[in-house]
Protein backbone atom coordinates (compact mmCIF):
# COMPACT_ATOMS: atom_id res chain seq x y z
CA MET A 1 0.00 0.00 0.00
CA GLU A 2 2.86 2.40 0.76
CA HIS A 3 4.17 2.01 -2.79
CA GLY A 4 1.12 3.93 -4.00
CA ALA A 5 0.61 6.29 -1.06
CA GLY A 6 2.42 9.37 -2.32
CA GLY A 7 5.12 9.48 0.37
CA ALA A 8 8.81 8.68 0.52
CA VAL A 9 8.33 4.95 -0.16
CA MET A 10 6.40 5.65 -3.37
CA GLN A 11 8.95 8.23 -4.51
CA GLN A 12 11.76 5.71 -4.05
CA PHE A 13 9.73 3.02 -5.82
CA ILE A 14 9.26 5.30 -8.83
CA LYS A 15 12.96 6.17 -8.94
CA ASP A 16 14.11 2.54 -8.55
CA ILE A 17 11.58 0.73 -10.73
CA VAL A 18 9.80 3.14 -13.07
CA LEU A 19 12.31 5.76 -14.12
CA LYS A 20 14.96 3.27 -15.24
CA HIS A 21 12.52 2.26 -18.00
CA PHE A 22 10.52 5.47 -18.57
CA GLY A 23 11.26 9.18 -18.57
CA SER A 24 14.37 9.44 -20.74
CA GLY A 25 14.24 13.22 -20.61
CA ARG A 26 13.95 13.90 -24.36
CA VAL A 27 10.99 16.24 -23.84
CA GLU A 28 10.76 19.76 -22.42
CA VAL A 29 9.51 18.68 -18.98
CA PRO A 30 10.05 14.90 -18.73
CA LEU A 31 8.65 12.23 -16.46
CA SER A 32 11.98 12.11 -14.64
CA ALA A 33 11.34 15.62 -13.29
CA LEU A 34 8.39 14.13 -11.33
CA ASP A 35 6.41 17.34 -11.59
CA ASP A 36 2.61 17.55 -11.70
CA ALA A 37 2.58 17.35 -15.51
CA ALA A 38 4.88 16.77 -18.47
CA VAL A 39 5.43 19.12 -21.41
CA VAL A 40 5.80 17.58 -24.87
CA ASP A 41 6.12 19.83 -27.96
CA GLY A 42 4.36 22.63 -26.11
CA ILE A 43 1.48 20.39 -24.97
CA VAL A 44 1.10 19.96 -21.20
CA PHE A 45 -0.08 16.47 -20.29
CA THR A 46 -1.03 14.80 -17.02
CA THR A 47 -2.90 11.69 -15.85
CA ASP A 48 -4.22 10.42 -12.54
CA SER A 49 -6.27 7.50 -11.22
CA HIS A 50 -8.74 7.87 -8.37
CA THR A 51 -9.74 5.19 -5.86
CA VAL A 52 -11.34 7.23 -3.07
CA LYS A 53 -13.44 5.32 -0.54
CA PRO A 54 -16.28 6.08 -0.01
CA VAL A 55 -17.09 7.43 -3.46
CA PHE A 56 -19.40 10.07 -1.94
CA PHE A 57 -18.13 12.11 0.99
CA PRO A 58 -18.89 15.47 2.64
CA GLY A 59 -18.07 18.21 0.16
CA GLY A 60 -17.60 16.05 -2.92
CA ASP A 61 -17.39 12.70 -4.64
CA ILE A 62 -14.98 10.66 -6.73
CA GLY A 63 -16.18 12.34 -9.93
CA ARG A 64 -15.58 15.91 -8.76
CA LEU A 65 -12.26 14.85 -7.30
CA SER A 66 -11.07 13.24 -10.53
CA VAL A 67 -11.79 16.31 -12.67
CA ALA A 68 -10.52 18.85 -10.15
CA GLY A 69 -7.33 16.92 -9.51
CA THR A 70 -6.41 16.76 -13.18
CA VAL A 71 -7.33 20.40 -13.85
CA ASN A 72 -5.20 21.46 -10.89
CA ASP A 73 -2.17 19.45 -12.02
CA LEU A 74 -2.23 21.24 -15.37
CA ALA A 75 -2.79 24.67 -13.85
CA CYS A 76 0.00 24.25 -11.30
CA VAL A 77 2.71 24.02 -13.96
CA GLY A 78 1.31 27.05 -15.79
CA ALA A 79 -1.09 25.60 -18.37
CA ARG A 80 -4.54 26.54 -19.59
CA VAL A 81 -6.70 23.41 -19.72
CA LEU A 82 -7.83 22.28 -23.20
CA GLY A 83 -9.71 19.06 -22.47
CA LEU A 84 -9.93 15.93 -20.34
CA SER A 85 -10.41 12.23 -20.81
CA ALA A 86 -12.24 9.93 -18.41
CA ALA A 87 -11.81 6.16 -18.12
CA PHE A 88 -14.04 4.13 -15.80
CA VAL A 89 -13.28 0.68 -14.37
CA ILE A 90 -16.52 -0.37 -12.69
CA GLU A 91 -17.29 -3.30 -10.42
CA GLU A 92 -20.10 -5.57 -11.57
CA GLY A 93 -23.26 -4.62 -9.69
CA PHE A 94 -22.37 -0.96 -9.14
CA GLU A 95 -25.65 0.96 -9.25
CA THR A 96 -26.25 2.92 -12.46
CA GLU A 97 -27.91 5.67 -10.42
CA LYS A 98 -24.65 6.17 -8.52
CA LEU A 99 -22.68 6.14 -11.75
CA GLU A 100 -24.88 8.78 -13.34
CA ARG A 101 -24.60 10.93 -10.23
CA ILE A 102 -20.80 10.70 -10.45
CA ILE A 103 -20.79 11.53 -14.16
CA ALA A 104 -23.09 14.52 -13.62
CA SER A 105 -20.71 15.76 -10.92
CA MET A 106 -17.78 15.42 -13.32
CA ALA A 107 -19.61 17.44 -15.96
CA GLN A 108 -20.46 20.18 -13.48
CA THR A 109 -16.87 20.37 -12.21
CA ALA A 110 -15.49 20.51 -15.76
CA GLU A 111 -17.88 23.36 -16.51
CA GLU A 112 -16.64 25.20 -13.41
CA ALA A 113 -13.11 24.83 -14.72
CA GLY A 114 -14.09 26.02 -18.20
CA THR A 115 -13.28 22.76 -19.94
CA GLU A 116 -14.98 19.50 -20.92
CA ILE A 117 -14.45 15.76 -21.10
CA VAL A 118 -13.81 14.89 -24.73
CA THR A 119 -12.91 11.18 -24.79
CA GLY A 120 -12.89 8.15 -22.54
CA ASP A 121 -13.28 4.44 -21.94
CA THR A 122 -15.42 2.08 -19.84
CA LYS A 123 -14.58 -1.35 -18.47
CA VAL A 124 -16.51 -3.60 -16.07
CA VAL A 125 -14.81 -6.22 -13.90
CA GLU A 126 -16.36 -9.10 -11.99
CA ARG A 127 -17.84 -8.48 -8.55
CA GLY A 128 -15.00 -8.37 -6.03
CA GLY A 129 -12.45 -7.50 -8.72
CA LEU A 130 -12.19 -3.99 -7.24
CA SER A 131 -14.02 -1.80 -4.78
CA GLU A 132 -16.93 -0.17 -6.63
CA ILE A 133 -15.23 2.11 -9.17
CA VAL A 134 -11.86 3.49 -10.27
CA ILE A 135 -11.71 6.60 -12.46
CA ASN A 136 -8.70 7.68 -14.49
CA THR A 137 -8.68 11.22 -15.83
CA SER A 138 -6.05 12.65 -18.14
CA GLY A 139 -5.76 16.22 -19.30
CA ILE A 140 -4.00 18.30 -21.91
CA GLY A 141 -3.28 21.99 -21.90
CA ARG A 142 -1.24 24.73 -23.52
CA ARG A 143 1.00 27.36 -21.99
CA HIS A 144 -1.15 29.91 -20.16
CA GLU A 145 -1.00 33.32 -21.79
CA LEU A 146 -0.19 34.88 -18.39
CA LEU A 147 2.73 32.56 -17.61
CA ASP A 148 5.38 34.58 -19.44
CA HIS A 149 4.13 37.78 -17.82
CA ASN A 150 4.34 36.10 -14.42
CA LEU A 151 7.87 34.80 -14.98
CA ASP A 152 9.06 38.12 -16.44
CA ILE A 153 8.08 39.82 -13.19
CA ALA A 154 9.83 37.13 -11.14
CA ARG A 155 12.98 37.55 -13.25
CA LYS A 156 13.13 41.25 -12.40
CA TYR A 157 14.20 40.12 -8.94
CA ARG A 158 16.08 36.86 -9.44
CA LYS A 159 17.02 34.12 -11.86
CA VAL A 160 14.30 31.53 -12.47
CA LYS A 161 15.64 28.15 -13.58
CA ALA A 162 12.78 26.90 -15.76
CA ASN A 163 10.15 28.33 -18.12
CA TRP A 164 7.35 26.50 -16.30
CA LEU A 165 6.24 26.49 -12.67
CA LEU A 166 8.31 23.49 -11.60
CA ASP A 167 9.36 22.04 -8.25
CA SER A 168 12.99 22.91 -9.03
CA ASN A 169 12.29 26.67 -9.32
CA VAL A 170 12.25 27.49 -5.59
CA ALA A 171 15.18 29.67 -4.44
CA ASP A 172 16.62 31.33 -1.36
CA GLY A 173 14.33 34.11 -0.17
CA ASP A 174 11.13 32.93 -1.85
CA VAL A 175 8.01 33.41 0.26
CA ILE A 176 5.87 30.30 0.82
CA ILE A 177 2.10 30.81 0.60
CA VAL A 178 -0.66 28.24 1.14
CA SER A 179 -4.04 28.98 -0.45
CA GLY A 180 -6.16 28.09 2.60
CA TYR A 181 -6.99 25.63 5.37
CA VAL A 182 -5.16 22.30 5.12
CA GLY A 183 -6.20 18.80 6.18
CA ASP A 184 -9.96 19.07 5.66
CA HIS A 185 -10.25 16.67 2.71
CA GLY A 186 -8.48 13.71 4.28
CA ILE A 187 -10.37 14.01 7.57
CA ALA A 188 -13.73 14.38 5.79
CA VAL A 189 -13.16 11.22 3.72
CA LEU A 190 -11.78 9.21 6.64
CA SER A 191 -14.68 10.24 8.88
CA ALA A 192 -17.25 9.28 6.23
CA ARG A 193 -15.52 5.92 5.76
CA GLU A 194 -15.08 5.00 9.40
CA GLY A 195 -18.12 6.75 10.91
CA TYR A 196 -16.17 8.97 13.29
CA GLY A 197 -18.82 11.69 13.11
CA PHE A 198 -16.57 14.61 12.12
CA GLU A 199 -18.56 15.20 8.92
CA GLY A 200 -20.83 17.81 10.46
CA ASP A 201 -17.89 20.13 11.04
CA ILE A 202 -15.46 19.15 8.28
CA ALA A 203 -16.03 18.94 4.53
CA SER A 204 -13.66 18.23 1.68
CA ASP A 205 -12.06 21.23 -0.04
CA VAL A 206 -12.13 19.54 -3.45
CA ALA A 207 -12.36 22.16 -6.22
CA PRO A 208 -10.80 23.17 -9.54
CA LEU A 209 -8.28 25.94 -8.85
CA ASN A 210 -7.31 27.04 -12.35
CA HIS A 211 -9.21 30.35 -12.20
CA MET A 212 -7.68 31.21 -8.82
CA ILE A 213 -4.22 30.39 -10.16
CA ALA A 214 -4.80 32.52 -13.27
CA GLY A 215 -5.61 35.49 -11.05
CA ALA A 216 -2.34 35.02 -9.17
CA LEU A 217 -0.37 34.71 -12.44
CA LYS A 218 -1.82 38.04 -13.53
CA VAL A 219 -0.12 39.65 -10.53
CA GLY A 220 3.15 37.86 -11.27
CA GLY A 221 6.27 36.84 -9.42
CA ILE A 222 5.33 33.20 -8.80
CA CYS A 223 8.15 30.70 -9.31
CA ALA A 224 6.47 27.42 -8.34
CA ILE A 225 2.98 26.12 -7.59
CA LYS A 226 2.00 22.65 -6.42
CA ASP A 227 -1.21 21.13 -5.09
CA ALA A 228 -0.85 19.52 -1.68
CA THR A 229 -2.47 16.16 -2.43
CA ARG A 230 -1.12 12.83 -1.15
CA GLY A 231 1.45 13.41 1.54
CA GLY A 232 0.06 16.88 2.18
CA VAL A 233 2.05 20.04 2.76
CA ALA A 234 4.87 18.10 4.43
CA ASN A 235 5.57 15.98 1.36
CA LEU A 236 5.18 18.94 -1.01
CA LEU A 237 7.70 21.11 0.81
CA ASN A 238 10.21 18.28 1.04
CA GLU A 239 9.93 17.68 -2.71
CA TRP A 240 10.57 21.37 -3.33
CA SER A 241 13.53 21.39 -0.97
CA GLU A 242 15.11 18.30 -2.53
CA LYS A 243 14.59 19.30 -6.16
CA SER A 244 15.55 22.95 -5.69
CA GLY A 245 18.46 22.38 -3.32
CA VAL A 246 17.23 24.93 -0.79
CA GLY A 247 15.91 24.71 2.76
CA ILE A 248 12.44 25.83 3.82
CA VAL A 249 11.37 27.26 7.17
CA ILE A 250 7.67 27.46 8.02
CA GLU A 251 5.96 28.93 11.09
CA GLU A 252 3.44 26.75 12.89
CA SER A 253 1.40 29.73 14.06
CA ARG A 254 0.83 30.89 10.47
CA ILE A 255 -0.41 27.59 8.99
CA PRO A 256 -4.21 27.73 8.52
CA ILE A 257 -5.77 24.64 10.09
CA ARG A 258 -9.40 24.60 11.26
CA GLN A 259 -9.82 23.87 14.93
CA SER A 260 -12.20 21.00 14.10
CA THR A 261 -9.59 19.45 11.78
CA ARG A 262 -6.84 20.01 14.33
CA SER A 263 -8.93 18.32 17.03
CA ALA A 264 -9.78 15.36 14.77
CA CYS A 265 -6.10 14.92 13.89
CA ALA A 266 -5.11 15.01 17.55
CA MET A 267 -7.76 12.40 18.38
CA LEU A 268 -6.56 10.12 15.56
CA GLY A 269 -2.83 10.72 16.04
CA ILE A 270 -2.39 12.20 12.56
CA ASP A 271 -0.22 15.16 11.56
CA PRO A 272 -2.44 17.60 9.59
CA LEU A 273 0.57 18.59 7.49
CA GLU A 274 0.76 15.02 6.14
CA ILE A 275 -2.90 14.76 5.12
CA GLY A 276 -3.83 15.09 1.45
CA ASN A 277 -5.88 18.03 0.22
CA GLU A 278 -7.80 18.39 -3.05
CA GLY A 279 -8.44 22.13 -3.15
CA LYS A 280 -5.24 23.70 -1.83
CA VAL A 281 -2.01 24.76 -3.48
CA VAL A 282 1.28 26.04 -2.14
CA LEU A 283 3.10 28.83 -4.00
CA ALA A 284 6.72 30.02 -3.93
CA VAL A 285 6.81 33.73 -4.72
CA VAL A 286 9.61 36.29 -4.95
CA PRO A 287 9.39 38.36 -1.74
CA GLN A 288 8.77 41.64 -3.59
CA MET A 289 5.46 40.28 -4.98
CA ALA A 290 4.31 38.11 -2.07
CA ASP A 291 1.80 40.53 -0.57
CA ALA A 292 0.23 41.27 -3.96
CA VAL A 293 -0.09 37.56 -4.80
CA LEU A 294 -1.59 36.90 -1.35
CA ALA A 295 -4.18 39.64 -1.96
CA ALA A 296 -5.07 38.15 -5.36
CA LEU A 297 -5.61 34.73 -3.79
CA ARG A 298 -7.73 36.15 -0.99
CA ALA A 299 -9.94 37.92 -3.54
CA THR A 300 -11.20 34.51 -4.73
CA LYS A 301 -13.59 32.07 -3.07
CA GLU A 302 -11.01 29.28 -3.21
CA GLY A 303 -8.16 31.38 -1.80
CA ARG A 304 -9.92 33.62 0.72
CA ASP A 305 -8.08 31.99 3.63
CA ALA A 306 -4.63 32.07 2.00
CA ALA A 307 -1.66 32.78 4.28
CA ILE A 308 2.09 33.30 4.15
CA ILE A 309 3.55 30.41 6.13
CA GLY A 310 7.31 30.64 5.62
CA ARG A 311 10.31 31.21 3.43
CA ALA A 312 12.93 29.32 1.45
CA THR A 313 16.42 29.78 2.84
CA LYS A 314 19.96 28.48 2.50
CA ASP A 315 20.34 28.68 6.27
CA VAL A 316 18.75 25.25 6.86
CA GLU A 317 18.69 21.87 5.17
CA GLY A 318 15.37 20.22 4.35
CA VAL A 319 12.16 21.52 5.88
CA VAL A 320 12.02 22.96 9.38
CA MET A 321 9.05 24.32 11.34
CA GLN A 322 9.32 26.99 13.98
CA THR A 323 6.86 25.81 16.61
CA LYS A 324 4.45 27.95 18.59
CA VAL A 325 6.56 27.51 21.72
CA GLY A 326 9.68 28.77 19.96
CA GLY A 327 11.45 25.51 19.16
CA MET A 328 12.42 24.08 15.78
CA ARG A 329 11.02 20.81 14.45
CA VAL A 330 12.24 18.97 11.36
CA ILE A 331 9.38 18.16 8.97
CA GLN A 332 10.19 14.83 7.35
CA PRO A 333 8.43 13.59 4.22
CA PRO A 334 5.76 11.08 5.27
CA VAL A 335 6.68 7.45 4.62
CA GLY A 336 3.20 6.81 3.23
CA ASP A 337 -0.26 8.27 3.42
CA PRO A 338 -1.65 8.35 6.99
CA VAL A 339 -5.15 8.36 5.48
CA PRO A 340 -5.22 5.89 2.54
CA ARG A 341 -7.68 5.98 -0.34
CA ILE A 342 -8.64 9.63 -0.10
CA CYS A 343 -7.95 10.38 -3.76
């Protein structure tokens, strides 16, 4: 299970088993970069499979999640979404009413994002062959017309390594911004699955974020964006630190976490920074533009609770959190996903 959980074990599995056969690097942004999407001849391409359990949960469902997740992966590298595919693998006996509800949710979410599903595939396996339904969504996009403007502003203040918003672009001094409350999605799904009763207070944040991201690009100065899905903010920041060769310091008091989510995590023994989200991104921004980007995020429904949580620095190695009591705590990448099957 850890080999597919999004944490350190999965990352090592991909490096040891997958990349020695795939990802030769003969494209603009190759598989070996392990970013949210690849770039091939100017086309941005990403794919993802979704196995969330239960398929309906507070705030969303597997259909909304599949579309939003793919849209967000394209938007995070700096692409405008062109279209999506959807492939269904369905367990024999799965109710058609449920399936139609999921498909209607996918259509609505695609409309929110300003795109549509243009091709797909359907397979049915024998009862017991899988748990209800698996959805794969892939997406293609082109370079967003605001991306060059955004990078030009960033380059007024420092060198930016890549022409896309990649994990390797983070540099000393960059301000780290999160677009809102973290941890809600994983707790909402886990509570619905296990019957913990947190659902009344906590709902998934699942949403397409491409319009919010476009508004931030219009301001400019963003060097990297990534959605904090499996492995949460902890895994995301460690990937940035490793790929960019720079340390990151975050402040515990600045990280937006709902009290209900914090309480649920404490009860379950889970670190909210390691829980996957489906409607939150983290941005690395040149310090001169950080306040303006923060204001642009807060002007949107999806980013109204955005906050500056830290800074990239050469003064530390890896990811370190300044705690509320004044100490320093190393934030390690999670080994696996503390809440499995949430995406």
